[in-house]
C-alpha atoms as a PDB file:
ATOM      1  CA  MET A   1     -18.059  81.218  15.669  1.00  0.00           C
ATOM      2  CA  GLU A   2     -19.436  78.022  17.202  1.00  0.00           C
ATOM      3  CA  GLN A   3     -17.226  75.789  19.329  1.00  0.00           C
ATOM      4  CA  ARG A   4     -17.274  73.021  16.720  1.00  0.00           C
ATOM      5  CA  GLU A   5     -15.974  75.463  14.097  1.00  0.00           C
ATOM      6  CA  VAL A   6     -13.205  76.611  16.408  1.00  0.00           C
ATOM      7  CA  MET A   7     -12.266  72.974  17.070  1.00  0.00           C
ATOM      8  CA  GLN A   8     -12.221  72.204  13.350  1.00  0.00           C
ATOM      9  CA  ASN A   9      -9.853  75.138  12.822  1.00  0.00           C
ATOM     10  CA  VAL A  10      -7.648  74.053  15.722  1.00  0.00           C
ATOM     11  CA  VAL A  11      -7.434  70.518  14.320  1.00  0.00           C
ATOM     12  CA  GLY A  12      -6.501  72.027  10.952  1.00  0.00           C
ATOM     13  CA  ILE A  13      -3.748  74.100  12.550  1.00  0.00           C
ATOM     14  CA  LEU A  14      -2.360  71.087  14.416  1.00  0.00           C
ATOM     15  CA  THR A  15      -2.546  68.909  11.297  1.00  0.00           C
ATOM     16  CA  GLU A  16      -0.696  71.598   9.364  1.00  0.00           C
ATOM     17  CA  ALA A  17       1.936  71.754  12.117  1.00  0.00           C
ATOM     18  CA  LEU A  18       2.453  67.983  11.817  1.00  0.00           C
ATOM     19  CA  GLU A  19       2.948  68.327   8.075  1.00  0.00           C
ATOM     20  CA  MET A  20       5.348  71.235   8.517  1.00  0.00           C
ATOM     21  CA  ARG A  21       7.379  69.214  11.020  1.00  0.00           C
ATOM     22  CA  ARG A  22       7.507  66.301   8.565  1.00  0.00           C
ATOM     23  CA  GLN A  23       8.751  68.612   5.835  1.00  0.00           C
ATOM     24  CA  VAL A  24      11.438  70.065   8.102  1.00  0.00           C
ATOM     25  CA  ARG A  25      12.650  66.579   9.015  1.00  0.00           C
ATOM     26  CA  GLU A  26      12.755  65.466   5.378  1.00  0.00           C
ATOM     27  CA  HIS A  27      14.251  68.697   4.025  1.00  0.00           C
ATOM     28  CA  PRO A  28      16.103  70.464   6.863  1.00  0.00           C
ATOM     29  CA  ASP A  29      17.808  72.855   4.442  1.00  0.00           C
ATOM     30  CA  GLN A  30      14.561  74.186   2.958  1.00  0.00           C
ATOM     31  CA  GLN A  31      12.295  76.927   4.279  1.00  0.00           C
ATOM     32  CA  VAL A  32       8.784  75.800   5.238  1.00  0.00           C
ATOM     33  CA  SER A  33       6.000  78.262   4.443  1.00  0.00           C
ATOM     34  CA  LEU A  34       3.254  79.135   6.877  1.00  0.00           C
ATOM     35  CA  THR A  35      -0.282  79.263   5.521  1.00  0.00           C
ATOM     36  CA  GLY A  36      -1.647  81.851   7.910  1.00  0.00           C
ATOM     37  CA  ALA A  37      -4.136  79.435   9.464  1.00  0.00           C
ATOM     38  CA  VAL A  38      -3.550  80.810  12.978  1.00  0.00           C
ATOM     39  CA  SER A  39      -4.058  84.381  11.806  1.00  0.00           C
ATOM     40  CA  ALA A  40      -7.204  83.348   9.933  1.00  0.00           C
ATOM     41  CA  LEU A  41      -8.600  81.675  13.062  1.00  0.00           C
ATOM     42  CA  LEU A  42      -7.961  84.808  15.098  1.00  0.00           C
ATOM     43  CA  VAL A  43      -9.555  87.066  12.483  1.00  0.00           C
ATOM     44  CA  GLU A  44     -12.619  84.807  12.277  1.00  0.00           C
ATOM     45  CA  THR A  45     -12.955  84.290  16.023  1.00  0.00           C
ATOM     46  CA  LEU A  46     -11.989  87.532  17.722  1.00  0.00           C
ATOM     47  CA  PRO A  47     -14.612  90.273  17.667  1.00  0.00           C
ATOM     48  CA  GLN A  48     -13.855  93.839  16.708  1.00  0.00           C
ATOM     49  CA  ILE A  49     -13.712  96.184  19.642  1.00  0.00           C
ATOM     50  CA  HIS A  50     -15.050  99.717  19.364  1.00  0.00           C
ATOM     51  CA  LEU A  51     -13.857 102.079  22.052  1.00  0.00           C
ATOM     52  CA  PRO A  52     -14.940 105.659  22.599  1.00  0.00           C
ATOM     53  CA  ALA A  53     -12.195 108.129  21.760  1.00  0.00           C
ATOM     54  CA  ASP A  54     -12.176 109.366  25.345  1.00  0.00           C
ATOM     55  CA  ALA A  55     -11.923 105.914  26.944  1.00  0.00           C
ATOM     56  CA  SER A  56      -9.370 105.725  29.723  1.00  0.00           C
ATOM     57  CA  GLY A  57      -6.660 103.090  29.674  1.00  0.00           C
ATOM     58  CA  HIS A  58      -8.473 101.161  32.393  1.00  0.00           C
ATOM     59  CA  ALA A  59     -11.793 101.318  30.531  1.00  0.00           C
ATOM     60  CA  ALA A  60     -10.082 100.185  27.326  1.00  0.00           C
ATOM     61  CA  ALA A  61      -8.426  97.250  29.113  1.00  0.00           C
ATOM     62  CA  ASP A  62     -11.746  96.230  30.671  1.00  0.00           C
ATOM     63  CA  ALA A  63     -13.462  96.365  27.273  1.00  0.00           C
ATOM     64  CA  VAL A  64     -10.723  94.271  25.663  1.00  0.00           C
ATOM     65  CA  VAL A  65     -10.936  91.626  28.386  1.00  0.00           C
ATOM     66  CA  GLU A  66     -14.730  91.561  28.232  1.00  0.00           C
ATOM     67  CA  GLU A  67     -14.908  91.344  24.435  1.00  0.00           C
ATOM     68  CA  LEU A  68     -11.911  89.106  23.693  1.00  0.00           C
ATOM     69  CA  GLY A  69     -11.932  86.922  26.798  1.00  0.00           C
ATOM     70  CA  PRO A  70     -14.623  84.446  25.723  1.00  0.00           C
ATOM     71  CA  ALA A  71     -13.156  83.974  22.238  1.00  0.00           C
ATOM     72  CA  ILE A  72      -9.626  83.493  23.564  1.00  0.00           C
ATOM     73  CA  ALA A  73     -10.911  81.035  26.173  1.00  0.00           C
ATOM     74  CA  SER A  74     -12.727  79.085  23.456  1.00  0.00           C
ATOM     75  CA  ILE A  75      -9.566  78.809  21.350  1.00  0.00           C
ATOM     76  CA  ALA A  76      -7.482  77.813  24.382  1.00  0.00           C
ATOM     77  CA  HIS A  77     -10.016  75.154  25.417  1.00  0.00           C
ATOM     78  CA  CYS A  78      -9.951  73.635  21.939  1.00  0.00           C
ATOM     79  CA  PHE A  79      -6.143  73.461  21.884  1.00  0.00           C
ATOM     80  CA  ALA A  80      -6.164  71.988  25.403  1.00  0.00           C
ATOM     81  CA  PHE A  81      -8.785  69.389  24.416  1.00  0.00           C
ATOM     82  CA  ALA A  82      -6.743  68.320  21.407  1.00  0.00           C
ATOM     83  CA  PHE A  83      -3.575  68.166  23.506  1.00  0.00           C
ATOM     84  CA  VAL A  84      -5.241  65.979  26.139  1.00  0.00           C
ATOM     85  CA  GLN A  85      -6.590  63.628  23.462  1.00  0.00           C
ATOM     86  CA  LEU A  86      -3.122  63.279  21.933  1.00  0.00           C
ATOM     87  CA  ALA A  87      -1.487  62.874  25.357  1.00  0.00           C
ATOM     88  CA  GLU A  88      -3.933  60.171  26.459  1.00  0.00           C
ATOM     89  CA  VAL A  89      -3.181  58.122  23.353  1.00  0.00           C
ATOM     90  CA  HIS A  90       0.544  58.532  23.936  1.00  0.00           C
ATOM     91  CA  ASP A  91       0.375  57.784  27.666  1.00  0.00           C
ATOM     92  CA  ALA A  92      -1.717  54.668  27.061  1.00  0.00           C
ATOM     93  CA  GLY A  93       1.012  53.367  24.756  1.00  0.00           C
ATOM     94  CA  ARG A  94      -1.356  53.113  21.831  1.00  0.00           C
ATOM     95  CA  THR A  95       0.029  53.178  18.317  1.00  0.00           C
ATOM     96  CA  ASP A  96      -2.500  55.623  16.832  1.00  0.00           C
ATOM     97  CA  SER A  97      -0.685  58.305  14.873  1.00  0.00           C
ATOM     98  CA  SER A  98      -1.198  61.941  15.794  1.00  0.00           C
ATOM     99  CA  ALA A  99      -2.887  62.432  12.420  1.00  0.00           C
ATOM    100  CA  GLU A 100      -5.364  59.641  13.230  1.00  0.00           C
ATOM    101  CA  VAL A 101      -6.183  61.169  16.616  1.00  0.00           C
ATOM    102  CA  LEU A 102      -6.703  64.595  15.038  1.00  0.00           C
ATOM    103  CA  ARG A 103      -8.900  63.055  12.340  1.00  0.00           C
ATOM    104  CA  ARG A 104     -11.107  61.459  15.026  1.00  0.00           C
ATOM    105  CA  ILE A 105     -11.403  64.779  16.858  1.00  0.00           C
ATOM    106  CA  SER A 106     -12.353  66.491  13.613  1.00  0.00           C
ATOM    107  CA  LEU A 107     -15.034  63.894  12.895  1.00  0.00           C
ATOM    108  CA  GLN A 108     -16.331  64.119  16.449  1.00  0.00           C
ATOM    109  CA  PHE A 109     -16.906  67.848  16.059  1.00  0.00           C
ATOM    110  CA  ALA A 110     -17.967  67.808  12.388  1.00  0.00           C
ATOM    111  CA  GLY A 111     -21.559  66.838  13.046  1.00  0.00           C
ATOM    112  CA  GLY A 112     -22.386  69.959  15.005  1.00  0.00           C
ATOM    113  CA  ALA A 113     -23.313  68.045  18.152  1.00  0.00           C
ATOM    114  CA  GLN A 114     -20.623  69.872  20.159  1.00  0.00           C
ATOM    115  CA  LYS A 115     -20.888  73.599  20.863  1.00  0.00           C
END
């Protein structure tokens, strides 16, 4: 999955989290349902790992780190980027809503210029 696709998914997850928080504030006595967006991102992003049946624990751990490491780093970088964007707006005292900041990030990565 390309970086821009990961970022689009991350923005979607954060936007969903904002909506869930709004619902909890408005209806504290009601259960809020998760959509599975985080699980879907992991399924789409993380590669399958095939280990030989006789792989040692150390060899298995090395294979997991080697195969999953780049995908996990990509997801973490996207969440960190979004956090920094939101934090900079907050720290600057601007009045942009979180939803507006996330929308701008989404548009920035929608064109495919970022990878």
